[in-house]
Amino acid sequence: MARKLILIVALIGAASSPAFAQYRGSQAEQAACRRDAVHFCRGISDDAQVESCLVAHRHQVSARCRHVLQTHGR
């Protein structure tokens, strides 16, 4: 469970955050949620809050990001 959380946080972490540059998850998974994180979670810098934000908007995010969230049980 913790591994999934870390992966999701890395995928959706604020795209402008230095933490985003660290590798966690594939580049394709990171790219799948990057625009959604910027669009729906603007101004949120805490990775856990960004994850919660995207999960809360999971019906509005892109199909690619929704697939990543579903793949990781979110």
C-alpha atoms as a PDB file:
ATOM      1  CA  MET A   1       0.000   0.000   0.000  1.00  0.00           C
ATOM      2  CA  ALA A   2       2.760   2.457   0.909  1.00  0.00           C
ATOM      3  CA  ARG A   3       4.547   1.659  -2.368  1.00  0.00           C
ATOM      4  CA  LYS A   4       1.395   2.506  -4.318  1.00  0.00           C
ATOM      5  CA  LEU A   5       1.005   5.759  -2.421  1.00  0.00           C
ATOM      6  CA  ILE A   6       4.604   6.744  -3.119  1.00  0.00           C
ATOM      7  CA  LEU A   7       4.165   5.937  -6.797  1.00  0.00           C
ATOM      8  CA  ILE A   8       0.951   7.913  -7.079  1.00  0.00           C
ATOM      9  CA  VAL A   9       2.414  10.860  -5.231  1.00  0.00           C
ATOM     10  CA  ALA A  10       5.394  10.841  -7.545  1.00  0.00           C
ATOM     11  CA  LEU A  11       3.164  10.632 -10.587  1.00  0.00           C
ATOM     12  CA  ILE A  12       0.946  13.473  -9.628  1.00  0.00           C
ATOM     13  CA  GLY A  13       3.274  15.503  -7.486  1.00  0.00           C
ATOM     14  CA  ALA A  14       3.233  19.134  -8.375  1.00  0.00           C
ATOM     15  CA  ALA A  15       4.797  19.258 -11.800  1.00  0.00           C
ATOM     16  CA  SER A  16       6.713  22.376 -10.874  1.00  0.00           C
ATOM     17  CA  SER A  17       8.091  20.809  -7.710  1.00  0.00           C
ATOM     18  CA  PRO A  18      11.756  19.741  -7.528  1.00  0.00           C
ATOM     19  CA  ALA A  19      10.507  16.433  -6.118  1.00  0.00           C
ATOM     20  CA  PHE A  20       8.885  15.731  -9.471  1.00  0.00           C
ATOM     21  CA  ALA A  21      12.330  15.482 -11.047  1.00  0.00           C
ATOM     22  CA  GLN A  22      13.131  12.441  -8.919  1.00  0.00           C
ATOM     23  CA  TYR A  23      12.300   9.162 -10.633  1.00  0.00           C
ATOM     24  CA  ARG A  24       9.331   7.319  -9.185  1.00  0.00           C
ATOM     25  CA  GLY A  25       7.139   5.566 -11.691  1.00  0.00           C
ATOM     26  CA  SER A  26       7.599   5.461 -15.407  1.00  0.00           C
ATOM     27  CA  GLN A  27       7.908   8.615 -17.451  1.00  0.00           C
ATOM     28  CA  ALA A  28       4.700   7.656 -19.235  1.00  0.00           C
ATOM     29  CA  GLU A  29       2.818   7.448 -15.922  1.00  0.00           C
ATOM     30  CA  GLN A  30       4.215  10.786 -14.802  1.00  0.00           C
ATOM     31  CA  ALA A  31       3.262  12.388 -18.099  1.00  0.00           C
ATOM     32  CA  ALA A  32      -0.250  10.927 -17.910  1.00  0.00           C
ATOM     33  CA  CYS A  33      -1.141  13.006 -14.855  1.00  0.00           C
ATOM     34  CA  ARG A  34       1.106  16.044 -15.208  1.00  0.00           C
ATOM     35  CA  ARG A  35      -1.401  18.303 -16.984  1.00  0.00           C
ATOM     36  CA  ASP A  36      -4.250  17.219 -14.737  1.00  0.00           C
ATOM     37  CA  ALA A  37      -2.186  17.957 -11.616  1.00  0.00           C
ATOM     38  CA  VAL A  38      -1.375  21.432 -12.895  1.00  0.00           C
ATOM     39  CA  HIS A  39      -4.964  22.100 -13.981  1.00  0.00           C
ATOM     40  CA  PHE A  40      -6.971  20.733 -11.066  1.00  0.00           C
ATOM     41  CA  CYS A  41      -4.486  21.120  -8.229  1.00  0.00           C
ATOM     42  CA  ARG A  42      -2.944  24.505  -8.967  1.00  0.00           C
ATOM     43  CA  GLY A  43      -1.293  26.043  -5.945  1.00  0.00           C
ATOM     44  CA  ILE A  44      -1.018  22.784  -4.019  1.00  0.00           C
ATOM     45  CA  SER A  45       2.583  21.890  -3.264  1.00  0.00           C
ATOM     46  CA  ASP A  46       2.157  19.009  -0.815  1.00  0.00           C
ATOM     47  CA  ASP A  47       2.370  15.705  -2.715  1.00  0.00           C
ATOM     48  CA  ALA A  48      -0.224  13.967  -0.537  1.00  0.00           C
ATOM     49  CA  GLN A  49      -2.664  16.826  -1.083  1.00  0.00           C
ATOM     50  CA  VAL A  50      -2.067  16.719  -4.836  1.00  0.00           C
ATOM     51  CA  GLU A  51      -2.875  13.025  -4.795  1.00  0.00           C
ATOM     52  CA  SER A  52      -6.055  13.670  -2.839  1.00  0.00           C
ATOM     53  CA  CYS A  53      -6.956  16.456  -5.245  1.00  0.00           C
ATOM     54  CA  LEU A  54      -6.592  14.225  -8.301  1.00  0.00           C
ATOM     55  CA  VAL A  55      -8.518  11.416  -6.657  1.00  0.00           C
ATOM     56  CA  ALA A  56     -11.281  13.898  -5.834  1.00  0.00           C
ATOM     57  CA  HIS A  57     -11.327  14.943  -9.503  1.00  0.00           C
ATOM     58  CA  ARG A  58     -10.862  11.430 -10.896  1.00  0.00           C
ATOM     59  CA  HIS A  59     -14.044  11.691 -12.960  1.00  0.00           C
ATOM     60  CA  GLN A  60     -12.759  14.893 -14.569  1.00  0.00           C
ATOM     61  CA  VAL A  61      -9.105  14.022 -15.188  1.00  0.00           C
ATOM     62  CA  SER A  62      -7.909  12.719 -18.526  1.00  0.00           C
ATOM     63  CA  ALA A  63      -8.536   9.086 -19.386  1.00  0.00           C
ATOM     64  CA  ARG A  64      -4.779   8.438 -19.226  1.00  0.00           C
ATOM     65  CA  CYS A  65      -4.470   9.827 -15.699  1.00  0.00           C
ATOM     66  CA  ARG A  66      -7.640   8.041 -14.588  1.00  0.00           C
ATOM     67  CA  HIS A  67      -6.117   4.785 -15.852  1.00  0.00           C
ATOM     68  CA  VAL A  68      -2.955   5.412 -13.790  1.00  0.00           C
ATOM     69  CA  LEU A  69      -5.049   6.111 -10.696  1.00  0.00           C
ATOM     70  CA  GLN A  70      -7.125   2.971 -11.262  1.00  0.00           C
ATOM     71  CA  THR A  71      -4.026   0.858 -11.881  1.00  0.00           C
ATOM     72  CA  HIS A  72      -2.763   1.878  -8.452  1.00  0.00           C
ATOM     73  CA  GLY A  73      -6.051   1.371  -6.657  1.00  0.00           C
ATOM     74  CA  ARG A  74      -7.104   4.985  -6.440  1.00  0.00           C
END
